Protein backbone atom coordinates (compact mmCIF):
# COMPACT_ATOMS: atom_id res chain seq x y z
CA MET A 1 99.83 88.35 90.25
CA ALA A 2 100.99 85.14 91.93
CA SER A 3 103.25 87.09 94.31
CA GLN A 4 100.29 89.22 95.44
CA ALA A 5 98.29 86.09 96.28
CA LYS A 6 101.03 85.10 98.73
CA MET A 7 101.17 88.52 100.39
CA MET A 8 99.34 89.07 103.67
CA GLU A 9 98.78 92.13 105.84
CA VAL A 10 100.13 92.44 109.40
CA TYR A 11 98.04 94.34 111.95
CA THR A 12 98.03 95.08 115.64
CA VAL A 13 94.75 95.53 117.49
CA VAL A 14 94.66 98.50 119.86
CA ASP A 15 92.04 98.69 122.61
CA LYS A 16 91.00 102.25 123.40
CA ALA A 17 90.20 102.95 127.06
CA GLY A 18 86.55 103.80 127.58
CA SER A 19 85.51 102.39 124.20
CA GLU A 20 84.05 99.02 123.28
CA LYS A 21 85.64 99.18 119.83
CA SER A 22 89.20 98.22 118.99
CA PHE A 23 91.32 99.81 116.28
CA TRP A 24 93.18 97.71 113.73
CA VAL A 25 96.44 99.35 112.68
CA ARG A 26 98.37 98.00 109.67
CA ILE A 27 102.02 97.71 110.68
CA GLY A 28 103.57 95.53 107.98
CA ALA A 29 103.37 92.73 105.43
CA CYS A 30 103.95 88.99 105.41
CA PHE A 31 105.09 86.89 102.45
CA THR A 32 105.03 83.14 101.94
CA ASN A 33 108.42 81.82 100.86
CA ARG A 34 108.95 79.00 98.34
CA ASP A 35 109.60 76.51 101.14
CA GLY A 36 106.32 77.36 102.93
CA SER A 37 107.94 79.52 105.63
CA PHE A 38 107.01 83.18 106.15
CA SER A 39 108.90 86.47 106.01
CA VAL A 40 107.37 89.21 108.15
CA LEU A 41 108.32 92.84 107.42
CA LEU A 42 107.29 95.29 110.13
CA ASP A 43 107.12 99.09 109.83
CA ALA A 44 106.33 99.38 113.55
CA LEU A 45 106.41 97.22 116.66
CA PRO A 46 103.18 96.60 118.57
CA THR A 47 103.31 97.75 122.18
CA ASN A 48 101.06 94.86 123.22
CA GLY A 49 103.29 92.28 121.50
CA LYS A 50 100.42 90.86 119.45
CA LEU A 51 100.24 90.55 115.67
CA GLN A 52 97.30 89.64 113.44
CA ILE A 53 98.30 88.29 110.02
CA ARG A 54 95.46 88.32 107.51
CA GLN A 55 95.00 87.51 103.83
CA ARG A 56 94.57 90.57 101.67
CA ASN A 57 91.00 90.98 100.48
CA SER A 58 90.19 91.41 96.78
CA GLU A 59 89.59 95.17 97.12
CA GLN A 60 93.09 95.72 98.55
CA THR A 61 94.78 93.84 95.69
CA LYS A 62 93.20 96.22 93.13
CA VAL A 63 95.00 99.25 94.62
């Protein structure tokens, strides 16, 4: 369970033309290494070049 606490989700935020809402798309994971650095694993590259790295919420860790 300790390894899950160190795992974070990586998203990109996509703005849709003509809409006020943005879409958050999960594109990878981020892990904290023993030395405090991070490893980021991407399944896709964001076209806008921006990443959002967020802690997993408790509902996601149950899955």
